[in-house]
Amino acid sequence: MEPCGTGGPGFRRDAVFAAGILAAFLLAAFLTSPPARAAETPQCARGDIVLWGDGKHDDTAALNAWLRGDNLIWAATGEPVGEAIADRVFRLSAAVYVPGGTGRRLERFRLVWPERGETVTGGSVRSGDDPDTAPAVSGVAIVGGDPGEGVPFETPDLTPKDRGDPARCAVS
Protein backbone atom coordinates (compact mmCIF):
# COMPACT_ATOMS: atom_id res chain seq x y z
CA MET A 1 0.00 0.00 0.00
CA GLU A 2 1.35 3.44 -0.96
CA PRO A 3 1.55 6.24 1.59
CA CYS A 4 -1.01 8.99 1.19
CA GLY A 5 0.11 11.92 -0.98
CA THR A 6 2.21 10.02 -3.52
CA GLY A 7 1.40 8.81 -6.98
CA GLY A 8 4.20 6.27 -7.24
CA PRO A 9 7.90 6.04 -6.52
CA GLY A 10 9.51 9.49 -6.78
CA PHE A 11 6.26 11.25 -7.74
CA ARG A 12 4.47 13.45 -5.21
CA ARG A 13 1.12 15.12 -5.85
CA ASP A 14 2.11 18.22 -3.86
CA ALA A 15 5.23 18.64 -6.05
CA VAL A 16 3.06 18.51 -9.19
CA PHE A 17 0.78 21.18 -7.75
CA ALA A 18 3.78 23.47 -6.96
CA ALA A 19 5.25 22.91 -10.44
CA GLY A 20 1.89 23.78 -11.97
CA ILE A 21 1.81 27.10 -10.08
CA LEU A 22 5.37 27.88 -11.23
CA ALA A 23 4.51 27.02 -14.85
CA ALA A 24 1.39 29.20 -14.70
CA PHE A 25 3.43 32.10 -13.27
CA LEU A 26 6.10 31.82 -15.98
CA LEU A 27 3.46 31.62 -18.72
CA ALA A 28 1.69 34.69 -17.33
CA ALA A 29 4.99 36.59 -17.10
CA PHE A 30 5.83 35.67 -20.69
CA LEU A 31 2.42 36.69 -22.00
CA THR A 32 2.44 40.03 -20.17
CA SER A 33 6.01 41.02 -21.05
CA PRO A 34 6.28 43.91 -23.51
CA PRO A 35 6.72 42.77 -27.11
CA ALA A 36 10.04 43.26 -28.83
CA ARG A 37 10.17 46.64 -30.50
CA ALA A 38 9.58 46.31 -34.22
CA ALA A 39 11.73 49.39 -34.87
CA GLU A 40 14.83 47.58 -33.64
CA THR A 41 16.22 45.74 -36.62
CA PRO A 42 19.21 43.46 -36.40
CA GLN A 43 22.51 44.99 -37.44
CA CYS A 44 24.00 41.99 -39.16
CA ALA A 45 27.66 41.63 -39.86
CA ARG A 46 28.75 40.43 -43.27
CA GLY A 47 30.08 36.92 -43.17
CA ASP A 48 31.73 36.94 -46.58
CA ILE A 49 34.35 39.58 -45.72
CA VAL A 50 36.32 39.64 -42.49
CA LEU A 51 38.83 42.15 -41.17
CA TRP A 52 42.20 40.97 -39.89
CA GLY A 53 44.03 44.13 -38.80
CA ASP A 54 47.17 42.09 -38.12
CA GLY A 55 49.46 43.48 -40.84
CA LYS A 56 49.85 40.02 -42.40
CA HIS A 57 46.62 39.54 -44.37
CA ASP A 58 45.40 41.79 -47.19
CA ASP A 59 42.61 43.88 -45.66
CA THR A 60 41.96 46.14 -48.67
CA ALA A 61 38.44 44.93 -49.55
CA ALA A 62 37.37 44.53 -45.92
CA LEU A 63 38.68 47.92 -44.78
CA ASN A 64 37.00 49.67 -47.73
CA ALA A 65 33.72 47.88 -46.95
CA TRP A 66 33.94 48.85 -43.27
CA LEU A 67 34.74 52.48 -44.13
CA ARG A 68 31.68 52.51 -46.45
CA GLY A 69 29.56 51.55 -43.44
CA ASP A 70 29.28 47.76 -43.74
CA ASN A 71 29.22 45.84 -40.48
CA LEU A 72 32.06 43.33 -40.41
CA ILE A 73 33.56 40.87 -37.98
CA TRP A 74 37.16 40.37 -36.86
CA ALA A 75 38.61 37.27 -38.51
CA ALA A 76 40.48 36.09 -35.43
CA THR A 77 37.61 36.34 -32.94
CA GLY A 78 34.36 36.56 -34.90
CA GLU A 79 33.41 39.63 -32.85
CA PRO A 80 31.77 42.64 -34.55
CA VAL A 81 34.22 45.35 -35.58
CA GLY A 82 32.05 48.24 -34.38
CA GLU A 83 32.11 51.93 -35.31
CA ALA A 84 35.75 52.56 -34.32
CA ILE A 85 39.06 50.78 -34.83
CA ALA A 86 42.16 51.59 -32.80
CA ASP A 87 45.71 50.27 -32.51
CA ARG A 88 45.67 48.05 -35.62
CA VAL A 89 47.98 47.45 -38.57
CA PHE A 90 46.46 46.88 -42.01
CA ARG A 91 48.30 45.36 -44.95
CA LEU A 92 46.85 46.75 -48.17
CA SER A 93 47.26 46.13 -51.89
CA ALA A 94 45.14 48.94 -53.37
CA ALA A 95 43.66 52.32 -52.46
CA VAL A 96 41.51 52.83 -49.38
CA TYR A 97 38.66 55.31 -49.61
CA VAL A 98 37.12 57.06 -46.60
CA PRO A 99 33.70 58.46 -47.54
CA GLY A 100 32.11 61.10 -45.31
CA GLY A 101 28.95 60.37 -43.36
CA THR A 102 29.44 56.76 -42.29
CA GLY A 103 30.31 57.47 -38.66
CA ARG A 104 33.53 55.43 -38.78
CA ARG A 105 36.72 56.24 -36.85
CA LEU A 106 40.26 54.94 -37.31
CA GLU A 107 42.62 55.84 -34.47
CA ARG A 108 46.29 55.08 -33.80
CA PHE A 109 46.59 52.96 -36.95
CA ARG A 110 49.17 51.87 -39.49
CA LEU A 111 48.32 51.28 -43.15
CA VAL A 112 51.06 49.47 -45.08
CA TRP A 113 51.33 48.94 -48.85
CA PRO A 114 54.43 46.70 -49.03
CA GLU A 115 54.46 46.48 -52.83
CA ARG A 116 54.43 50.29 -53.17
CA GLY A 117 56.72 51.01 -50.22
CA GLU A 118 54.10 53.29 -48.68
CA THR A 119 53.10 53.57 -45.01
CA VAL A 120 50.45 55.77 -43.45
CA THR A 121 50.35 56.16 -39.68
CA GLY A 122 47.93 58.09 -37.56
CA GLY A 123 46.52 59.91 -35.52
CA SER A 124 42.89 59.65 -36.48
CA VAL A 125 40.53 59.64 -39.43
CA ARG A 126 36.87 60.32 -38.66
CA SER A 127 34.24 60.08 -41.37
CA GLY A 128 31.62 61.98 -39.34
CA ASP A 129 27.87 61.77 -39.81
CA ASP A 130 27.42 64.24 -42.66
CA PRO A 131 27.89 62.68 -46.12
CA ASP A 132 28.49 66.18 -47.57
CA THR A 133 31.48 66.83 -45.29
CA ALA A 134 34.96 65.44 -45.91
CA PRO A 135 36.39 63.15 -43.24
CA ALA A 136 38.44 64.82 -40.51
CA VAL A 137 42.09 63.80 -40.51
CA SER A 138 44.53 64.61 -37.72
CA GLY A 139 48.03 63.50 -36.85
CA VAL A 140 48.46 61.36 -39.99
CA ALA A 141 51.89 60.88 -41.53
CA ILE A 142 52.51 59.47 -45.02
CA VAL A 143 55.87 57.97 -45.98
CA GLY A 144 56.59 56.90 -49.56
CA GLY A 145 53.26 58.08 -50.99
CA ASP A 146 52.57 59.87 -54.24
CA PRO A 147 51.90 63.63 -54.23
CA GLY A 148 48.26 64.30 -53.42
CA GLU A 149 47.86 61.27 -51.15
CA GLY A 150 45.38 61.79 -48.34
CA VAL A 151 43.70 64.79 -49.97
CA PRO A 152 39.88 64.77 -50.07
CA PHE A 153 38.24 64.67 -53.50
CA GLU A 154 34.68 64.54 -54.82
CA THR A 155 33.20 61.14 -55.57
CA PRO A 156 29.78 60.06 -56.79
CA ASP A 157 27.16 59.63 -54.08
CA LEU A 158 27.21 56.17 -52.60
CA THR A 159 23.99 54.22 -52.38
CA PRO A 160 23.47 53.55 -48.69
CA LYS A 161 23.19 49.91 -47.75
CA ASP A 162 20.34 48.80 -45.51
CA ARG A 163 22.39 47.18 -42.77
CA GLY A 164 19.23 46.35 -40.82
CA ASP A 165 17.76 44.15 -43.55
CA PRO A 166 17.31 40.67 -41.99
CA ALA A 167 17.86 39.13 -45.43
CA ARG A 168 21.54 40.08 -45.04
CA CYS A 169 21.80 38.05 -41.84
CA ALA A 170 23.20 34.57 -42.00
CA VAL A 171 20.92 32.01 -40.40
CA SER A 172 21.24 28.31 -39.89
C-alpha atoms as a PDB file:
ATOM      1  CA  MET A   1       0.000   0.000   0.000  1.00  0.00           C
ATOM      2  CA  GLU A   2       1.346   3.442  -0.958  1.00  0.00           C
ATOM      3  CA  PRO A   3       1.555   6.238   1.595  1.00  0.00           C
ATOM      4  CA  CYS A   4      -1.006   8.986   1.191  1.00  0.00           C
ATOM      5  CA  GLY A   5       0.107  11.918  -0.975  1.00  0.00           C
ATOM      6  CA  THR A   6       2.209  10.023  -3.524  1.00  0.00           C
ATOM      7  CA  GLY A   7       1.404   8.808  -6.983  1.00  0.00           C
ATOM      8  CA  GLY A   8       4.196   6.274  -7.239  1.00  0.00           C
ATOM      9  CA  PRO A   9       7.896   6.041  -6.522  1.00  0.00           C
ATOM     10  CA  GLY A  10       9.510   9.493  -6.775  1.00  0.00           C
ATOM     11  CA  PHE A  11       6.262  11.252  -7.736  1.00  0.00           C
ATOM     12  CA  ARG A  12       4.471  13.450  -5.206  1.00  0.00           C
ATOM     13  CA  ARG A  13       1.119  15.122  -5.847  1.00  0.00           C
ATOM     14  CA  ASP A  14       2.107  18.221  -3.860  1.00  0.00           C
ATOM     15  CA  ALA A  15       5.231  18.643  -6.052  1.00  0.00           C
ATOM     16  CA  VAL A  16       3.064  18.510  -9.191  1.00  0.00           C
ATOM     17  CA  PHE A  17       0.781  21.182  -7.748  1.00  0.00           C
ATOM     18  CA  ALA A  18       3.779  23.471  -6.956  1.00  0.00           C
ATOM     19  CA  ALA A  19       5.253  22.909 -10.437  1.00  0.00           C
ATOM     20  CA  GLY A  20       1.889  23.785 -11.970  1.00  0.00           C
ATOM     21  CA  ILE A  21       1.811  27.098 -10.084  1.00  0.00           C
ATOM     22  CA  LEU A  22       5.374  27.877 -11.235  1.00  0.00           C
ATOM     23  CA  ALA A  23       4.512  27.022 -14.852  1.00  0.00           C
ATOM     24  CA  ALA A  24       1.395  29.197 -14.702  1.00  0.00           C
ATOM     25  CA  PHE A  25       3.432  32.096 -13.268  1.00  0.00           C
ATOM     26  CA  LEU A  26       6.100  31.817 -15.978  1.00  0.00           C
ATOM     27  CA  LEU A  27       3.462  31.619 -18.717  1.00  0.00           C
ATOM     28  CA  ALA A  28       1.694  34.690 -17.326  1.00  0.00           C
ATOM     29  CA  ALA A  29       4.991  36.589 -17.096  1.00  0.00           C
ATOM     30  CA  PHE A  30       5.828  35.669 -20.695  1.00  0.00           C
ATOM     31  CA  LEU A  31       2.424  36.694 -21.997  1.00  0.00           C
ATOM     32  CA  THR A  32       2.439  40.029 -20.173  1.00  0.00           C
ATOM     33  CA  SER A  33       6.014  41.024 -21.050  1.00  0.00           C
ATOM     34  CA  PRO A  34       6.284  43.908 -23.508  1.00  0.00           C
ATOM     35  CA  PRO A  35       6.718  42.774 -27.105  1.00  0.00           C
ATOM     36  CA  ALA A  36      10.039  43.261 -28.831  1.00  0.00           C
ATOM     37  CA  ARG A  37      10.167  46.639 -30.500  1.00  0.00           C
ATOM     38  CA  ALA A  38       9.581  46.313 -34.218  1.00  0.00           C
ATOM     39  CA  ALA A  39      11.730  49.386 -34.870  1.00  0.00           C
ATOM     40  CA  GLU A  40      14.834  47.583 -33.643  1.00  0.00           C
ATOM     41  CA  THR A  41      16.220  45.737 -36.623  1.00  0.00           C
ATOM     42  CA  PRO A  42      19.214  43.460 -36.396  1.00  0.00           C
ATOM     43  CA  GLN A  43      22.507  44.992 -37.440  1.00  0.00           C
ATOM     44  CA  CYS A  44      23.999  41.994 -39.159  1.00  0.00           C
ATOM     45  CA  ALA A  45      27.657  41.629 -39.859  1.00  0.00           C
ATOM     46  CA  ARG A  46      28.746  40.429 -43.270  1.00  0.00           C
ATOM     47  CA  GLY A  47      30.080  36.919 -43.170  1.00  0.00           C
ATOM     48  CA  ASP A  48      31.727  36.936 -46.583  1.00  0.00           C
ATOM     49  CA  ILE A  49      34.350  39.584 -45.723  1.00  0.00           C
ATOM     50  CA  VAL A  50      36.319  39.639 -42.485  1.00  0.00           C
ATOM     51  CA  LEU A  51      38.826  42.151 -41.165  1.00  0.00           C
ATOM     52  CA  TRP A  52      42.198  40.968 -39.890  1.00  0.00           C
ATOM     53  CA  GLY A  53      44.027  44.125 -38.796  1.00  0.00           C
ATOM     54  CA  ASP A  54      47.175  42.088 -38.120  1.00  0.00           C
ATOM     55  CA  GLY A  55      49.465  43.478 -40.841  1.00  0.00           C
ATOM     56  CA  LYS A  56      49.852  40.015 -42.401  1.00  0.00           C
ATOM     57  CA  HIS A  57      46.621  39.536 -44.374  1.00  0.00           C
ATOM     58  CA  ASP A  58      45.404  41.788 -47.189  1.00  0.00           C
ATOM     59  CA  ASP A  59      42.615  43.885 -45.661  1.00  0.00           C
ATOM     60  CA  THR A  60      41.956  46.139 -48.667  1.00  0.00           C
ATOM     61  CA  ALA A  61      38.437  44.933 -49.554  1.00  0.00           C
ATOM     62  CA  ALA A  62      37.366  44.530 -45.924  1.00  0.00           C
ATOM     63  CA  LEU A  63      38.676  47.917 -44.776  1.00  0.00           C
ATOM     64  CA  ASN A  64      37.002  49.669 -47.728  1.00  0.00           C
ATOM     65  CA  ALA A  65      33.717  47.877 -46.948  1.00  0.00           C
ATOM     66  CA  TRP A  66      33.937  48.847 -43.269  1.00  0.00           C
ATOM     67  CA  LEU A  67      34.740  52.476 -44.132  1.00  0.00           C
ATOM     68  CA  ARG A  68      31.680  52.512 -46.453  1.00  0.00           C
ATOM     69  CA  GLY A  69      29.564  51.554 -43.438  1.00  0.00           C
ATOM     70  CA  ASP A  70      29.276  47.764 -43.736  1.00  0.00           C
ATOM     71  CA  ASN A  71      29.221  45.835 -40.479  1.00  0.00           C
ATOM     72  CA  LEU A  72      32.057  43.335 -40.413  1.00  0.00           C
ATOM     73  CA  ILE A  73      33.564  40.867 -37.982  1.00  0.00           C
ATOM     74  CA  TRP A  74      37.159  40.374 -36.861  1.00  0.00           C
ATOM     75  CA  ALA A  75      38.614  37.272 -38.514  1.00  0.00           C
ATOM     76  CA  ALA A  76      40.477  36.087 -35.428  1.00  0.00           C
ATOM     77  CA  THR A  77      37.608  36.343 -32.943  1.00  0.00           C
ATOM     78  CA  GLY A  78      34.356  36.559 -34.895  1.00  0.00           C
ATOM     79  CA  GLU A  79      33.409  39.627 -32.855  1.00  0.00           C
ATOM     80  CA  PRO A  80      31.769  42.636 -34.547  1.00  0.00           C
ATOM     81  CA  VAL A  81      34.215  45.352 -35.579  1.00  0.00           C
ATOM     82  CA  GLY A  82      32.049  48.241 -34.383  1.00  0.00           C
ATOM     83  CA  GLU A  83      32.113  51.927 -35.310  1.00  0.00           C
ATOM     84  CA  ALA A  84      35.751  52.564 -34.315  1.00  0.00           C
ATOM     85  CA  ILE A  85      39.065  50.778 -34.832  1.00  0.00           C
ATOM     86  CA  ALA A  86      42.162  51.595 -32.799  1.00  0.00           C
ATOM     87  CA  ASP A  87      45.709  50.270 -32.507  1.00  0.00           C
ATOM     88  CA  ARG A  88      45.666  48.046 -35.616  1.00  0.00           C
ATOM     89  CA  VAL A  89      47.982  47.448 -38.571  1.00  0.00           C
ATOM     90  CA  PHE A  90      46.460  46.875 -42.008  1.00  0.00           C
ATOM     91  CA  ARG A  91      48.302  45.362 -44.952  1.00  0.00           C
ATOM     92  CA  LEU A  92      46.850  46.750 -48.174  1.00  0.00           C
ATOM     93  CA  SER A  93      47.259  46.129 -51.890  1.00  0.00           C
ATOM     94  CA  ALA A  94      45.141  48.944 -53.365  1.00  0.00           C
ATOM     95  CA  ALA A  95      43.660  52.318 -52.464  1.00  0.00           C
ATOM     96  CA  VAL A  96      41.514  52.830 -49.376  1.00  0.00           C
ATOM     97  CA  TYR A  97      38.656  55.314 -49.609  1.00  0.00           C
ATOM     98  CA  VAL A  98      37.119  57.060 -46.603  1.00  0.00           C
ATOM     99  CA  PRO A  99      33.700  58.463 -47.536  1.00  0.00           C
ATOM    100  CA  GLY A 100      32.108  61.098 -45.313  1.00  0.00           C
ATOM    101  CA  GLY A 101      28.950  60.374 -43.361  1.00  0.00           C
ATOM    102  CA  THR A 102      29.444  56.755 -42.293  1.00  0.00           C
ATOM    103  CA  GLY A 103      30.306  57.470 -38.655  1.00  0.00           C
ATOM    104  CA  ARG A 104      33.532  55.425 -38.781  1.00  0.00           C
ATOM    105  CA  ARG A 105      36.719  56.236 -36.849  1.00  0.00           C
ATOM    106  CA  LEU A 106      40.265  54.944 -37.309  1.00  0.00           C
ATOM    107  CA  GLU A 107      42.622  55.838 -34.469  1.00  0.00           C
ATOM    108  CA  ARG A 108      46.286  55.082 -33.803  1.00  0.00           C
ATOM    109  CA  PHE A 109      46.588  52.960 -36.951  1.00  0.00           C
ATOM    110  CA  ARG A 110      49.175  51.875 -39.492  1.00  0.00           C
ATOM    111  CA  LEU A 111      48.321  51.279 -43.145  1.00  0.00           C
ATOM    112  CA  VAL A 112      51.057  49.466 -45.080  1.00  0.00           C
ATOM    113  CA  TRP A 113      51.326  48.944 -48.853  1.00  0.00           C
ATOM    114  CA  PRO A 114      54.433  46.702 -49.027  1.00  0.00           C
ATOM    115  CA  GLU A 115      54.460  46.482 -52.833  1.00  0.00           C
ATOM    116  CA  ARG A 116      54.425  50.292 -53.174  1.00  0.00           C
ATOM    117  CA  GLY A 117      56.716  51.012 -50.223  1.00  0.00           C
ATOM    118  CA  GLU A 118      54.099  53.288 -48.678  1.00  0.00           C
ATOM    119  CA  THR A 119      53.104  53.572 -45.013  1.00  0.00           C
ATOM    120  CA  VAL A 120      50.449  55.772 -43.447  1.00  0.00           C
ATOM    121  CA  THR A 121      50.351  56.164 -39.683  1.00  0.00           C
ATOM    122  CA  GLY A 122      47.934  58.093 -37.555  1.00  0.00           C
ATOM    123  CA  GLY A 123      46.516  59.906 -35.524  1.00  0.00           C
ATOM    124  CA  SER A 124      42.887  59.654 -36.483  1.00  0.00           C
ATOM    125  CA  VAL A 125      40.530  59.638 -39.434  1.00  0.00           C
ATOM    126  CA  ARG A 126      36.872  60.316 -38.663  1.00  0.00           C
ATOM    127  CA  SER A 127      34.236  60.084 -41.365  1.00  0.00           C
ATOM    128  CA  GLY A 128      31.624  61.977 -39.341  1.00  0.00           C
ATOM    129  CA  ASP A 129      27.873  61.766 -39.806  1.00  0.00           C
ATOM    130  CA  ASP A 130      27.418  64.238 -42.661  1.00  0.00           C
ATOM    131  CA  PRO A 131      27.893  62.685 -46.124  1.00  0.00           C
ATOM    132  CA  ASP A 132      28.488  66.181 -47.565  1.00  0.00           C
ATOM    133  CA  THR A 133      31.477  66.827 -45.288  1.00  0.00           C
ATOM    134  CA  ALA A 134      34.956  65.441 -45.910  1.00  0.00           C
ATOM    135  CA  PRO A 135      36.391  63.146 -43.239  1.00  0.00           C
ATOM    136  CA  ALA A 136      38.444  64.823 -40.506  1.00  0.00           C
ATOM    137  CA  VAL A 137      42.095  63.797 -40.508  1.00  0.00           C
ATOM    138  CA  SER A 138      44.533  64.615 -37.720  1.00  0.00           C
ATOM    139  CA  GLY A 139      48.033  63.500 -36.847  1.00  0.00           C
ATOM    140  CA  VAL A 140      48.456  61.363 -39.991  1.00  0.00           C
ATOM    141  CA  ALA A 141      51.893  60.880 -41.531  1.00  0.00           C
ATOM    142  CA  ILE A 142      52.509  59.471 -45.024  1.00  0.00           C
ATOM    143  CA  VAL A 143      55.871  57.973 -45.978  1.00  0.00           C
ATOM    144  CA  GLY A 144      56.585  56.904 -49.556  1.00  0.00           C
ATOM    145  CA  GLY A 145      53.263  58.085 -50.993  1.00  0.00           C
ATOM    146  CA  ASP A 146      52.566  59.874 -54.238  1.00  0.00           C
ATOM    147  CA  PRO A 147      51.900  63.627 -54.234  1.00  0.00           C
ATOM    148  CA  GLY A 148      48.261  64.305 -53.418  1.00  0.00           C
ATOM    149  CA  GLU A 149      47.858  61.266 -51.151  1.00  0.00           C
ATOM    150  CA  GLY A 150      45.376  61.794 -48.338  1.00  0.00           C
ATOM    151  CA  VAL A 151      43.699  64.788 -49.974  1.00  0.00           C
ATOM    152  CA  PRO A 152      39.876  64.769 -50.073  1.00  0.00           C
ATOM    153  CA  PHE A 153      38.241  64.667 -53.499  1.00  0.00           C
ATOM    154  CA  GLU A 154      34.678  64.537 -54.816  1.00  0.00           C
ATOM    155  CA  THR A 155      33.196  61.136 -55.570  1.00  0.00           C
ATOM    156  CA  PRO A 156      29.780  60.064 -56.789  1.00  0.00           C
ATOM    157  CA  ASP A 157      27.162  59.632 -54.077  1.00  0.00           C
ATOM    158  CA  LEU A 158      27.209  56.165 -52.599  1.00  0.00           C
ATOM    159  CA  THR A 159      23.989  54.216 -52.384  1.00  0.00           C
ATOM    160  CA  PRO A 160      23.470  53.551 -48.685  1.00  0.00           C
ATOM    161  CA  LYS A 161      23.185  49.909 -47.751  1.00  0.00           C
ATOM    162  CA  ASP A 162      20.342  48.804 -45.510  1.00  0.00           C
ATOM    163  CA  ARG A 163      22.389  47.183 -42.772  1.00  0.00           C
ATOM    164  CA  GLY A 164      19.230  46.347 -40.822  1.00  0.00           C
ATOM    165  CA  ASP A 165      17.758  44.148 -43.551  1.00  0.00           C
ATOM    166  CA  PRO A 166      17.306  40.675 -41.992  1.00  0.00           C
ATOM    167  CA  ALA A 167      17.860  39.133 -45.426  1.00  0.00           C
ATOM    168  CA  ARG A 168      21.540  40.083 -45.039  1.00  0.00           C
ATOM    169  CA  CYS A 169      21.801  38.052 -41.837  1.00  0.00           C
ATOM    170  CA  ALA A 170      23.197  34.571 -42.002  1.00  0.00           C
ATOM    171  CA  VAL A 171      20.924  32.009 -40.402  1.00  0.00           C
ATOM    172  CA  SER A 172      21.239  28.311 -39.889  1.00  0.00           C
END
